[in-house]
């Protein structure tokens, strides 16, 4: 039985729904590849029960299990891109808000050729 976790039990509803959807999407990807759970779990080096928990959206399943599933499915790059800086709209917006409102042209003294 998985350990209770304050982080898992305190997840906001939208995060819980996203994890359940992730599990369902992993199950669809596995079935599209015609991989039985037993074979997928074997390739992931986990038990069938762990794979079933992952596919059911159990938030206590470890990140390594998710990474292993993505590897078996040939989707490792998706994990690497989850919070890539170039796709972080909120972070980019914060950076842009910190830019100076005005700039000045370099004076002749600053041009040191």
PDB file of N, CA and C in Angstrom:
ATOM      1  N   UNK A   1       0.849  -1.180   0.000  1.00  0.00           N
ATOM      2  CA  UNK A   1       0.000   0.000   0.000  1.00  0.00           C
ATOM      3  C   UNK A   1       0.892   1.239   0.000  1.00  0.00           C
ATOM      4  N   UNK A   2       0.538   2.264  -0.800  1.00  0.00           N
ATOM      5  CA  UNK A   2       1.380   3.447  -0.877  1.00  0.00           C
ATOM      6  C   UNK A   2       1.357   4.238   0.419  1.00  0.00           C
ATOM      7  N   UNK A   3       2.483   4.901   0.695  1.00  0.00           N
ATOM      8  CA  UNK A   3       2.564   5.744   1.874  1.00  0.00           C
ATOM      9  C   UNK A   3       1.697   6.975   1.685  1.00  0.00           C
ATOM     10  N   UNK A   4       1.063   7.410   2.753  1.00  0.00           N
ATOM     11  CA  UNK A   4       0.302   8.651   2.702  1.00  0.00           C
ATOM     12  C   UNK A   4       1.294   9.806   2.639  1.00  0.00           C
ATOM     13  N   UNK A   5       0.976  10.788   1.875  1.00  0.00           N
ATOM     14  CA  UNK A   5       1.850  11.934   1.707  1.00  0.00           C
ATOM     15  C   UNK A   5       1.029  13.197   1.876  1.00  0.00           C
ATOM     16  N   UNK A   6       1.566  14.157   2.637  1.00  0.00           N
ATOM     17  CA  UNK A   6       0.847  15.417   2.792  1.00  0.00           C
ATOM     18  C   UNK A   6       0.715  16.114   1.450  1.00  0.00           C
ATOM     19  N   UNK A   7       1.748  16.027   0.630  1.00  0.00           N
ATOM     20  CA  UNK A   7       1.691  16.671  -0.683  1.00  0.00           C
ATOM     21  C   UNK A   7       0.601  16.035  -1.547  1.00  0.00           C
ATOM     22  N   UNK A   8       0.511  14.713  -1.517  1.00  0.00           N
ATOM     23  CA  UNK A   8      -0.489  14.019  -2.336  1.00  0.00           C
ATOM     24  C   UNK A   8      -1.900  14.289  -1.819  1.00  0.00           C
ATOM     25  N   UNK A   9      -2.080  14.288  -0.512  1.00  0.00           N
ATOM     26  CA  UNK A   9      -3.421  14.491   0.035  1.00  0.00           C
ATOM     27  C   UNK A   9      -3.851  15.952  -0.033  1.00  0.00           C
ATOM     28  N   UNK A  10      -2.903  16.865  -0.182  1.00  0.00           N
ATOM     29  CA  UNK A  10      -3.229  18.284  -0.247  1.00  0.00           C
ATOM     30  C   UNK A  10      -3.247  18.855  -1.647  1.00  0.00           C
ATOM     31  N   UNK A  11      -3.244  17.986  -2.659  1.00  0.00           N
ATOM     32  CA  UNK A  11      -3.242  18.478  -4.039  1.00  0.00           C
ATOM     33  C   UNK A  11      -4.521  19.236  -4.349  1.00  0.00           C
ATOM     34  N   UNK A  12      -4.406  20.356  -5.058  1.00  0.00           N
ATOM     35  CA  UNK A  12      -5.618  21.043  -5.499  1.00  0.00           C
ATOM     36  C   UNK A  12      -6.387  20.162  -6.493  1.00  0.00           C
ATOM     37  N   UNK A  13      -7.699  20.334  -6.574  1.00  0.00           N
ATOM     38  CA  UNK A  13      -8.512  19.493  -7.470  1.00  0.00           C
ATOM     39  C   UNK A  13      -8.029  19.504  -8.917  1.00  0.00           C
ATOM     40  N   UNK A  14      -7.602  20.654  -9.436  1.00  0.00           N
ATOM     41  CA  UNK A  14      -7.153  20.691 -10.827  1.00  0.00           C
ATOM     42  C   UNK A  14      -5.885  19.869 -11.022  1.00  0.00           C
ATOM     43  N   UNK A  15      -5.022  19.814 -10.025  1.00  0.00           N
ATOM     44  CA  UNK A  15      -3.825  18.977 -10.105  1.00  0.00           C
ATOM     45  C   UNK A  15      -4.199  17.504 -10.039  1.00  0.00           C
ATOM     46  N   UNK A  16      -5.142  17.158  -9.179  1.00  0.00           N
ATOM     47  CA  UNK A  16      -5.611  15.776  -9.094  1.00  0.00           C
ATOM     48  C   UNK A  16      -6.179  15.324 -10.436  1.00  0.00           C
ATOM     49  N   UNK A  17      -6.997  16.189 -11.042  1.00  0.00           N
ATOM     50  CA  UNK A  17      -7.584  15.843 -12.342  1.00  0.00           C
ATOM     51  C   UNK A  17      -6.505  15.678 -13.408  1.00  0.00           C
ATOM     52  N   UNK A  18      -5.490  16.536 -13.371  1.00  0.00           N
ATOM     53  CA  UNK A  18      -4.411  16.449 -14.357  1.00  0.00           C
ATOM     54  C   UNK A  18      -3.635  15.146 -14.208  1.00  0.00           C
ATOM     55  N   UNK A  19      -3.418  14.696 -12.986  1.00  0.00           N
ATOM     56  CA  UNK A  19      -2.699  13.443 -12.752  1.00  0.00           C
ATOM     57  C   UNK A  19      -3.531  12.253 -13.225  1.00  0.00           C
ATOM     58  N   UNK A  20      -4.824  12.302 -12.970  1.00  0.00           N
ATOM     59  CA  UNK A  20      -5.717  11.224 -13.446  1.00  0.00           C
ATOM     60  C   UNK A  20      -5.700  11.197 -14.973  1.00  0.00           C
ATOM     61  N   UNK A  21      -5.762  12.364 -15.592  1.00  0.00           N
ATOM     62  CA  UNK A  21      -5.728  12.416 -17.061  1.00  0.00           C
ATOM     63  C   UNK A  21      -4.397  11.894 -17.596  1.00  0.00           C
ATOM     64  N   UNK A  22      -3.304  12.251 -16.939  1.00  0.00           N
ATOM     65  CA  UNK A  22      -1.993  11.747 -17.335  1.00  0.00           C
ATOM     66  C   UNK A  22      -1.975  10.226 -17.294  1.00  0.00           C
ATOM     67  N   UNK A  23      -2.522   9.649 -16.231  1.00  0.00           N
ATOM     68  CA  UNK A  23      -2.585   8.191 -16.117  1.00  0.00           C
ATOM     69  C   UNK A  23      -3.397   7.571 -17.239  1.00  0.00           C
ATOM     70  N   UNK A  24      -4.544   8.165 -17.525  1.00  0.00           N
ATOM     71  CA  UNK A  24      -5.383   7.653 -18.623  1.00  0.00           C
ATOM     72  C   UNK A  24      -4.667   7.759 -19.967  1.00  0.00           C
ATOM     73  N   UNK A  25      -3.993   8.896 -20.177  1.00  0.00           N
ATOM     74  CA  UNK A  25      -3.267   9.090 -21.433  1.00  0.00           C
ATOM     75  C   UNK A  25      -2.126   8.085 -21.582  1.00  0.00           C
ATOM     76  N   UNK A  26      -1.455   7.773 -20.480  1.00  0.00           N
ATOM     77  CA  UNK A  26      -0.402   6.750 -20.525  1.00  0.00           C
ATOM     78  C   UNK A  26      -0.993   5.393 -20.890  1.00  0.00           C
ATOM     79  N   UNK A  27      -2.152   5.080 -20.332  1.00  0.00           N
ATOM     80  CA  UNK A  27      -2.807   3.806 -20.642  1.00  0.00           C
ATOM     81  C   UNK A  27      -3.199   3.745 -22.115  1.00  0.00           C
ATOM     82  N   UNK A  28      -3.696   4.849 -22.657  1.00  0.00           N
ATOM     83  CA  UNK A  28      -4.057   4.888 -24.075  1.00  0.00           C
ATOM     84  C   UNK A  28      -2.815   4.678 -24.935  1.00  0.00           C
ATOM     85  N   UNK A  29      -1.726   5.374 -24.582  1.00  0.00           N
ATOM     86  CA  UNK A  29      -0.481   5.237 -25.351  1.00  0.00           C
ATOM     87  C   UNK A  29       0.024   3.794 -25.311  1.00  0.00           C
ATOM     88  N   UNK A  30      -0.081   3.170 -24.153  1.00  0.00           N
ATOM     89  CA  UNK A  30       0.351   1.767 -24.025  1.00  0.00           C
ATOM     90  C   UNK A  30      -0.514   0.860 -24.899  1.00  0.00           C
ATOM     91  N   UNK A  31      -1.822   1.066 -24.832  1.00  0.00           N
ATOM     92  CA  UNK A  31      -2.736   0.213 -25.613  1.00  0.00           C
ATOM     93  C   UNK A  31      -2.566   0.441 -27.117  1.00  0.00           C
ATOM     94  N   UNK A  32      -2.314   1.657 -27.529  1.00  0.00           N
ATOM     95  CA  UNK A  32      -2.075   1.920 -28.952  1.00  0.00           C
ATOM     96  C   UNK A  32      -0.861   1.156 -29.466  1.00  0.00           C
ATOM     97  N   UNK A  33       0.089   0.966 -28.583  1.00  0.00           N
ATOM     98  CA  UNK A  33       1.294   0.215 -28.952  1.00  0.00           C
ATOM     99  C   UNK A  33       1.105  -1.287 -28.757  1.00  0.00           C
ATOM    100  N   UNK A  34      -0.114  -1.664 -28.368  1.00  0.00           N
ATOM    101  CA  UNK A  34      -0.474  -3.065 -28.143  1.00  0.00           C
ATOM    102  C   UNK A  34       0.453  -3.732 -27.114  1.00  0.00           C
ATOM    103  N   UNK A  35       0.791  -2.974 -26.073  1.00  0.00           N
ATOM    104  CA  UNK A  35       1.636  -3.491 -24.995  1.00  0.00           C
ATOM    105  C   UNK A  35       0.747  -3.921 -23.828  1.00  0.00           C
ATOM    106  N   UNK A  36       0.732  -5.188 -23.489  1.00  0.00           N
ATOM    107  CA  UNK A  36      -0.005  -5.605 -22.293  1.00  0.00           C
ATOM    108  C   UNK A  36       0.639  -4.992 -21.038  1.00  0.00           C
ATOM    109  N   UNK A  37      -0.161  -4.784 -20.006  1.00  0.00           N
ATOM    110  CA  UNK A  37       0.372  -4.215 -18.764  1.00  0.00           C
ATOM    111  C   UNK A  37       1.551  -5.024 -18.237  1.00  0.00           C
ATOM    112  N   UNK A  38       1.458  -6.333 -18.322  1.00  0.00           N
ATOM    113  CA  UNK A  38       2.526  -7.182 -17.804  1.00  0.00           C
ATOM    114  C   UNK A  38       3.849  -6.872 -18.493  1.00  0.00           C
ATOM    115  N   UNK A  39       3.838  -6.766 -19.824  1.00  0.00           N
ATOM    116  CA  UNK A  39       5.058  -6.503 -20.581  1.00  0.00           C
ATOM    117  C   UNK A  39       5.561  -5.079 -20.329  1.00  0.00           C
ATOM    118  N   UNK A  40       4.655  -4.129 -20.280  1.00  0.00           N
ATOM    119  CA  UNK A  40       5.034  -2.740 -20.006  1.00  0.00           C
ATOM    120  C   UNK A  40       5.688  -2.637 -18.637  1.00  0.00           C
ATOM    121  N   UNK A  41       5.078  -3.257 -17.629  1.00  0.00           N
ATOM    122  CA  UNK A  41       5.628  -3.221 -16.271  1.00  0.00           C
ATOM    123  C   UNK A  41       7.007  -3.879 -16.244  1.00  0.00           C
ATOM    124  N   UNK A  42       7.147  -4.976 -16.955  1.00  0.00           N
ATOM    125  CA  UNK A  42       8.431  -5.678 -17.020  1.00  0.00           C
ATOM    126  C   UNK A  42       9.510  -4.766 -17.609  1.00  0.00           C
ATOM    127  N   UNK A  43       9.174  -4.080 -18.697  1.00  0.00           N
ATOM    128  CA  UNK A  43      10.133  -3.171 -19.331  1.00  0.00           C
ATOM    129  C   UNK A  43      10.455  -1.970 -18.452  1.00  0.00           C
ATOM    130  N   UNK A  44       9.498  -1.584 -17.622  1.00  0.00           N
ATOM    131  CA  UNK A  44       9.703  -0.460 -16.710  1.00  0.00           C
ATOM    132  C   UNK A  44      10.442  -0.875 -15.436  1.00  0.00           C
ATOM    133  N   UNK A  45      10.577  -2.188 -15.227  1.00  0.00           N
ATOM    134  CA  UNK A  45      11.192  -2.735 -14.012  1.00  0.00           C
ATOM    135  C   UNK A  45      10.358  -2.429 -12.764  1.00  0.00           C
ATOM    136  N   UNK A  46       9.023  -2.495 -12.920  1.00  0.00           N
ATOM    137  CA  UNK A  46       8.109  -2.295 -11.796  1.00  0.00           C
ATOM    138  C   UNK A  46       7.081  -3.423 -11.803  1.00  0.00           C
ATOM    139  N   UNK A  47       6.279  -3.482 -10.762  1.00  0.00           N
ATOM    140  CA  UNK A  47       5.218  -4.488 -10.716  1.00  0.00           C
ATOM    141  C   UNK A  47       4.019  -4.019 -11.546  1.00  0.00           C
ATOM    142  N   UNK A  48       3.180  -4.962 -11.921  1.00  0.00           N
ATOM    143  CA  UNK A  48       1.951  -4.630 -12.645  1.00  0.00           C
ATOM    144  C   UNK A  48       1.090  -3.711 -11.785  1.00  0.00           C
ATOM    145  N   UNK A  49       1.076  -3.953 -10.483  1.00  0.00           N
ATOM    146  CA  UNK A  49       0.277  -3.121  -9.577  1.00  0.00           C
ATOM    147  C   UNK A  49       0.750  -1.658  -9.606  1.00  0.00           C
ATOM    148  N   UNK A  50       2.058  -1.450  -9.684  1.00  0.00           N
ATOM    149  CA  UNK A  50       2.584  -0.082  -9.754  1.00  0.00           C
ATOM    150  C   UNK A  50       2.162   0.583 -11.054  1.00  0.00           C
ATOM    151  N   UNK A  51       2.230  -0.143 -12.151  1.00  0.00           N
ATOM    152  CA  UNK A  51       1.783   0.398 -13.427  1.00  0.00           C
ATOM    153  C   UNK A  51       0.286   0.710 -13.365  1.00  0.00           C
ATOM    154  N   UNK A  52      -0.499  -0.160 -12.758  1.00  0.00           N
ATOM    155  CA  UNK A  52      -1.935   0.082 -12.632  1.00  0.00           C
ATOM    156  C   UNK A  52      -2.204   1.342 -11.810  1.00  0.00           C
ATOM    157  N   UNK A  53      -1.431   1.549 -10.747  1.00  0.00           N
ATOM    158  CA  UNK A  53      -1.582   2.757  -9.939  1.00  0.00           C
ATOM    159  C   UNK A  53      -1.228   4.000 -10.751  1.00  0.00           C
ATOM    160  N   UNK A  54      -0.165   3.921 -11.561  1.00  0.00           N
ATOM    161  CA  UNK A  54       0.232   5.035 -12.418  1.00  0.00           C
ATOM    162  C   UNK A  54      -0.894   5.358 -13.399  1.00  0.00           C
ATOM    163  N   UNK A  55      -1.422   4.342 -14.052  1.00  0.00           N
ATOM    164  CA  UNK A  55      -2.485   4.535 -15.040  1.00  0.00           C
ATOM    165  C   UNK A  55      -3.798   4.979 -14.404  1.00  0.00           C
ATOM    166  N   UNK A  56      -3.977   4.711 -13.119  1.00  0.00           N
ATOM    167  CA  UNK A  56      -5.182   5.142 -12.410  1.00  0.00           C
ATOM    168  C   UNK A  56      -5.056   6.572 -11.890  1.00  0.00           C
ATOM    169  N   UNK A  57      -3.868   7.156 -12.020  1.00  0.00           N
ATOM    170  CA  UNK A  57      -3.666   8.526 -11.560  1.00  0.00           C
ATOM    171  C   UNK A  57      -3.386   8.642 -10.082  1.00  0.00           C
ATOM    172  N   UNK A  58      -2.752   7.639  -9.512  1.00  0.00           N
ATOM    173  CA  UNK A  58      -2.377   7.670  -8.100  1.00  0.00           C
ATOM    174  C   UNK A  58      -1.227   8.660  -7.930  1.00  0.00           C
ATOM    175  N   UNK A  59      -1.430   9.761  -7.179  1.00  0.00           N
ATOM    176  CA  UNK A  59      -0.390  10.775  -7.050  1.00  0.00           C
ATOM    177  C   UNK A  59       0.814  10.355  -6.203  1.00  0.00           C
ATOM    178  N   UNK A  60       0.726   9.191  -5.559  1.00  0.00           N
ATOM    179  CA  UNK A  60       1.857   8.744  -4.744  1.00  0.00           C
ATOM    180  C   UNK A  60       2.874   7.938  -5.543  1.00  0.00           C
ATOM    181  N   UNK A  61       2.573   7.653  -6.804  1.00  0.00           N
ATOM    182  CA  UNK A  61       3.526   6.930  -7.648  1.00  0.00           C
ATOM    183  C   UNK A  61       4.708   7.860  -7.907  1.00  0.00           C
ATOM    184  N   UNK A  62       5.907   7.323  -7.799  1.00  0.00           N
ATOM    185  CA  UNK A  62       7.112   8.131  -7.910  1.00  0.00           C
ATOM    186  C   UNK A  62       7.399   8.653  -9.308  1.00  0.00           C
ATOM    187  N   UNK A  63       8.151   9.720  -9.340  1.00  0.00           N
ATOM    188  CA  UNK A  63       8.544  10.344 -10.601  1.00  0.00           C
ATOM    189  C   UNK A  63       9.383   9.396 -11.452  1.00  0.00           C
ATOM    190  N   UNK A  64      10.184   8.560 -10.828  1.00  0.00           N
ATOM    191  CA  UNK A  64      11.009   7.605 -11.575  1.00  0.00           C
ATOM    192  C   UNK A  64      10.133   6.609 -12.334  1.00  0.00           C
ATOM    193  N   UNK A  65       8.992   6.252 -11.765  1.00  0.00           N
ATOM    194  CA  UNK A  65       8.071   5.333 -12.438  1.00  0.00           C
ATOM    195  C   UNK A  65       7.488   6.017 -13.672  1.00  0.00           C
ATOM    196  N   UNK A  66       7.099   7.275 -13.537  1.00  0.00           N
ATOM    197  CA  UNK A  66       6.596   8.029 -14.685  1.00  0.00           C
ATOM    198  C   UNK A  66       7.672   8.144 -15.761  1.00  0.00           C
ATOM    199  N   UNK A  67       8.887   8.478 -15.361  1.00  0.00           N
ATOM    200  CA  UNK A  67       9.994   8.612 -16.321  1.00  0.00           C
ATOM    201  C   UNK A  67      10.245   7.290 -17.033  1.00  0.00           C
ATOM    202  N   UNK A  68      10.159   6.203 -16.313  1.00  0.00           N
ATOM    203  CA  UNK A  68      10.364   4.887 -16.899  1.00  0.00           C
ATOM    204  C   UNK A  68       9.269   4.569 -17.913  1.00  0.00           C
ATOM    205  N   UNK A  69       8.027   4.896 -17.574  1.00  0.00           N
ATOM    206  CA  UNK A  69       6.909   4.656 -18.503  1.00  0.00           C
ATOM    207  C   UNK A  69       7.095   5.467 -19.772  1.00  0.00           C
ATOM    208  N   UNK A  70       7.472   6.722 -19.631  1.00  0.00           N
ATOM    209  CA  UNK A  70       7.691   7.565 -20.805  1.00  0.00           C
ATOM    210  C   UNK A  70       8.831   7.033 -21.660  1.00  0.00           C
ATOM    211  N   UNK A  71       9.857   6.519 -21.021  1.00  0.00           N
ATOM    212  CA  UNK A  71      10.982   5.937 -21.765  1.00  0.00           C
ATOM    213  C   UNK A  71      10.516   4.728 -22.584  1.00  0.00           C
ATOM    214  N   UNK A  72       9.772   3.855 -21.948  1.00  0.00           N
ATOM    215  CA  UNK A  72       9.289   2.657 -22.644  1.00  0.00           C
ATOM    216  C   UNK A  72       8.395   3.040 -23.825  1.00  0.00           C
ATOM    217  N   UNK A  73       7.633   4.108 -23.664  1.00  0.00           N
ATOM    218  CA  UNK A  73       6.726   4.549 -24.719  1.00  0.00           C
ATOM    219  C   UNK A  73       7.421   5.419 -25.770  1.00  0.00           C
ATOM    220  N   UNK A  74       8.702   5.715 -25.552  1.00  0.00           N
ATOM    221  CA  UNK A  74       9.431   6.560 -26.493  1.00  0.00           C
ATOM    222  C   UNK A  74       9.059   8.026 -26.385  1.00  0.00           C
ATOM    223  N   UNK A  75       8.706   8.466 -25.190  1.00  0.00           N
ATOM    224  CA  UNK A  75       8.249   9.841 -24.986  1.00  0.00           C
ATOM    225  C   UNK A  75       9.063  10.592 -23.944  1.00  0.00           C
ATOM    226  N   UNK A  76      10.299  10.201 -23.741  1.00  0.00           N
ATOM    227  CA  UNK A  76      11.129  10.818 -22.707  1.00  0.00           C
ATOM    228  C   UNK A  76      11.265  12.322 -22.894  1.00  0.00           C
ATOM    229  N   UNK A  77      11.324  12.782 -24.147  1.00  0.00           N
ATOM    230  CA  UNK A  77      11.506  14.212 -24.402  1.00  0.00           C
ATOM    231  C   UNK A  77      10.350  15.042 -23.850  1.00  0.00           C
ATOM    232  N   UNK A  78       9.182  14.427 -23.706  1.00  0.00           N
ATOM    233  CA  UNK A  78       8.044  15.163 -23.144  1.00  0.00           C
ATOM    234  C   UNK A  78       8.288  15.515 -21.684  1.00  0.00           C
ATOM    235  N   UNK A  79       8.930  14.631 -20.961  1.00  0.00           N
ATOM    236  CA  UNK A  79       9.238  14.901 -19.557  1.00  0.00           C
ATOM    237  C   UNK A  79      10.245  16.039 -19.464  1.00  0.00           C
ATOM    238  N   UNK A  80      11.242  16.003 -20.337  1.00  0.00           N
ATOM    239  CA  UNK A  80      12.274  17.039 -20.318  1.00  0.00           C
ATOM    240  C   UNK A  80      11.698  18.410 -20.636  1.00  0.00           C
ATOM    241  N   UNK A  81      10.624  18.467 -21.411  1.00  0.00           N
ATOM    242  CA  UNK A  81      10.060  19.744 -21.811  1.00  0.00           C
ATOM    243  C   UNK A  81       8.946  20.267 -20.929  1.00  0.00           C
ATOM    244  N   UNK A  82       8.612  19.559 -19.859  1.00  0.00           N
ATOM    245  CA  UNK A  82       7.474  19.965 -19.029  1.00  0.00           C
ATOM    246  C   UNK A  82       7.550  21.415 -18.565  1.00  0.00           C
ATOM    247  N   UNK A  83       8.640  21.804 -18.020  1.00  0.00           N
ATOM    248  CA  UNK A  83       8.789  23.180 -17.525  1.00  0.00           C
ATOM    249  C   UNK A  83      10.016  23.848 -18.139  1.00  0.00           C
ATOM    250  N   UNK A  84      10.226  23.567 -19.408  1.00  0.00           N
ATOM    251  CA  UNK A  84      11.359  24.168 -20.116  1.00  0.00           C
ATOM    252  C   UNK A  84      11.228  25.689 -20.075  1.00  0.00           C
ATOM    253  N   UNK A  85      12.324  26.396 -19.822  1.00  0.00           N
ATOM    254  CA  UNK A  85      12.275  27.854 -19.708  1.00  0.00           C
ATOM    255  C   UNK A  85      11.659  28.551 -20.922  1.00  0.00           C
ATOM    256  N   UNK A  86      11.881  28.022 -22.114  1.00  0.00           N
ATOM    257  CA  UNK A  86      11.338  28.688 -23.305  1.00  0.00           C
ATOM    258  C   UNK A  86       9.835  28.497 -23.474  1.00  0.00           C
ATOM    259  N   UNK A  87       9.223  27.626 -22.680  1.00  0.00           N
ATOM    260  CA  UNK A  87       7.771  27.459 -22.748  1.00  0.00           C
ATOM    261  C   UNK A  87       7.089  27.936 -21.468  1.00  0.00           C
ATOM    262  N   UNK A  88       7.827  28.622 -20.615  1.00  0.00           N
ATOM    263  CA  UNK A  88       7.306  29.130 -19.347  1.00  0.00           C
ATOM    264  C   UNK A  88       6.746  30.533 -19.549  1.00  0.00           C
ATOM    265  N   UNK A  89       5.478  30.621 -19.944  1.00  0.00           N
ATOM    266  CA  UNK A  89       4.872  31.917 -20.256  1.00  0.00           C
ATOM    267  C   UNK A  89       4.885  32.874 -19.067  1.00  0.00           C
ATOM    268  N   UNK A  90       4.585  32.360 -17.881  1.00  0.00           N
ATOM    269  CA  UNK A  90       4.565  33.230 -16.701  1.00  0.00           C
ATOM    270  C   UNK A  90       5.964  33.757 -16.402  1.00  0.00           C
ATOM    271  N   UNK A  91       6.976  32.904 -16.508  1.00  0.00           N
ATOM    272  CA  UNK A  91       8.352  33.333 -16.262  1.00  0.00           C
ATOM    273  C   UNK A  91       8.824  34.342 -17.294  1.00  0.00           C
ATOM    274  N   UNK A  92       8.462  34.097 -18.554  1.00  0.00           N
ATOM    275  CA  UNK A  92       8.841  35.028 -19.619  1.00  0.00           C
ATOM    276  C   UNK A  92       8.169  36.379 -19.377  1.00  0.00           C
ATOM    277  N   UNK A  93       6.912  36.359 -18.978  1.00  0.00           N
ATOM    278  CA  UNK A  93       6.185  37.591 -18.697  1.00  0.00           C
ATOM    279  C   UNK A  93       6.849  38.361 -17.558  1.00  0.00           C
ATOM    280  N   UNK A  94       7.263  37.645 -16.516  1.00  0.00           N
ATOM    281  CA  UNK A  94       7.968  38.288 -15.398  1.00  0.00           C
ATOM    282  C   UNK A  94       9.277  38.913 -15.871  1.00  0.00           C
ATOM    283  N   UNK A  95      10.024  38.189 -16.688  1.00  0.00           N
ATOM    284  CA  UNK A  95      11.276  38.736 -17.225  1.00  0.00           C
ATOM    285  C   UNK A  95      11.016  40.009 -18.015  1.00  0.00           C
ATOM    286  N   UNK A  96       9.997  39.974 -18.857  1.00  0.00           N
ATOM    287  CA  UNK A  96       9.676  41.144 -19.679  1.00  0.00           C
ATOM    288  C   UNK A  96       9.250  42.328 -18.822  1.00  0.00           C
ATOM    289  N   UNK A  97       8.547  42.064 -17.730  1.00  0.00           N
ATOM    290  CA  UNK A  97       8.099  43.163 -16.870  1.00  0.00           C
ATOM    291  C   UNK A  97       9.270  43.814 -16.139  1.00  0.00           C
ATOM    292  N   UNK A  98      10.379  43.126 -16.028  1.00  0.00           N
ATOM    293  CA  UNK A  98      11.554  43.670 -15.344  1.00  0.00           C
ATOM    294  C   UNK A  98      12.479  44.463 -16.272  1.00  0.00           C
ATOM    295  N   UNK A  99      12.203  44.414 -17.566  1.00  0.00           N
ATOM    296  CA  UNK A  99      13.042  45.161 -18.504  1.00  0.00           C
ATOM    297  C   UNK A  99      12.866  46.652 -18.262  1.00  0.00           C
ATOM    298  N   UNK A 100      13.926  47.420 -18.486  1.00  0.00           N
ATOM    299  CA  UNK A 100      13.795  48.876 -18.290  1.00  0.00           C
ATOM    300  C   UNK A 100      12.777  49.452 -19.277  1.00  0.00           C
ATOM    301  N   UNK A 101      12.047  50.459 -18.812  1.00  0.00           N
ATOM    302  CA  UNK A 101      11.028  51.087 -19.656  1.00  0.00           C
ATOM    303  C   UNK A 101      11.669  51.926 -20.752  1.00  0.00           C
ATOM    304  N   UNK A 102      12.803  52.490 -20.460  1.00  0.00           N
ATOM    305  CA  UNK A 102      13.494  53.327 -21.448  1.00  0.00           C
ATOM    306  C   UNK A 102      14.959  52.916 -21.505  1.00  0.00           C
ATOM    307  N   UNK A 103      15.570  53.225 -22.605  1.00  0.00           N
ATOM    308  CA  UNK A 103      17.005  53.002 -22.758  1.00  0.00           C
ATOM    309  C   UNK A 103      17.608  54.262 -23.343  1.00  0.00           C
ATOM    310  N   UNK A 104      18.908  54.375 -23.257  1.00  0.00           N
ATOM    311  CA  UNK A 104      19.569  55.539 -23.831  1.00  0.00           C
ATOM    312  C   UNK A 104      20.633  55.079 -24.809  1.00  0.00           C
ATOM    313  N   UNK A 105      20.889  55.924 -25.747  1.00  0.00           N
ATOM    314  CA  UNK A 105      21.936  55.616 -26.720  1.00  0.00           C
ATOM    315  C   UNK A 105      23.289  55.799 -26.051  1.00  0.00           C
ATOM    316  N   UNK A 106      24.245  55.030 -26.484  1.00  0.00           N
ATOM    317  CA  UNK A 106      25.592  55.140 -25.930  1.00  0.00           C
ATOM    318  C   UNK A 106      26.189  56.482 -26.334  1.00  0.00           C
ATOM    319  N   UNK A 107      26.836  57.136 -25.379  1.00  0.00           N
ATOM    320  CA  UNK A 107      27.513  58.397 -25.705  1.00  0.00           C
ATOM    321  C   UNK A 107      28.843  58.080 -26.368  1.00  0.00           C
ATOM    322  N   UNK A 108      29.444  59.087 -26.943  1.00  0.00           N
ATOM    323  CA  UNK A 108      30.732  58.894 -27.600  1.00  0.00           C
ATOM    324  C   UNK A 108      31.783  58.379 -26.624  1.00  0.00           C
ATOM    325  N   UNK A 109      31.697  58.784 -25.354  1.00  0.00           N
ATOM    326  CA  UNK A 109      32.650  58.334 -24.343  1.00  0.00           C
ATOM    327  C   UNK A 109      32.551  56.839 -24.092  1.00  0.00           C
ATOM    328  N   UNK A 110      31.344  56.289 -24.265  1.00  0.00           N
ATOM    329  CA  UNK A 110      31.136  54.866 -24.000  1.00  0.00           C
ATOM    330  C   UNK A 110      31.595  54.004 -25.154  1.00  0.00           C
ATOM    331  N   UNK A 111      31.784  54.591 -26.339  1.00  0.00           N
ATOM    332  CA  UNK A 111      32.240  53.850 -27.495  1.00  0.00           C
ATOM    333  C   UNK A 111      33.766  53.805 -27.473  1.00  0.00           C
ATOM    334  N   UNK A 112      34.305  52.705 -27.055  1.00  0.00           N
ATOM    335  CA  UNK A 112      35.740  52.580 -26.859  1.00  0.00           C
ATOM    336  C   UNK A 112      36.299  51.586 -27.862  1.00  0.00           C
ATOM    337  N   UNK A 113      36.497  52.025 -29.093  1.00  0.00           N
ATOM    338  CA  UNK A 113      36.996  51.138 -30.131  1.00  0.00           C
ATOM    339  C   UNK A 113      38.477  51.217 -30.206  1.00  0.00           C
TER     340      UNK A 113
END
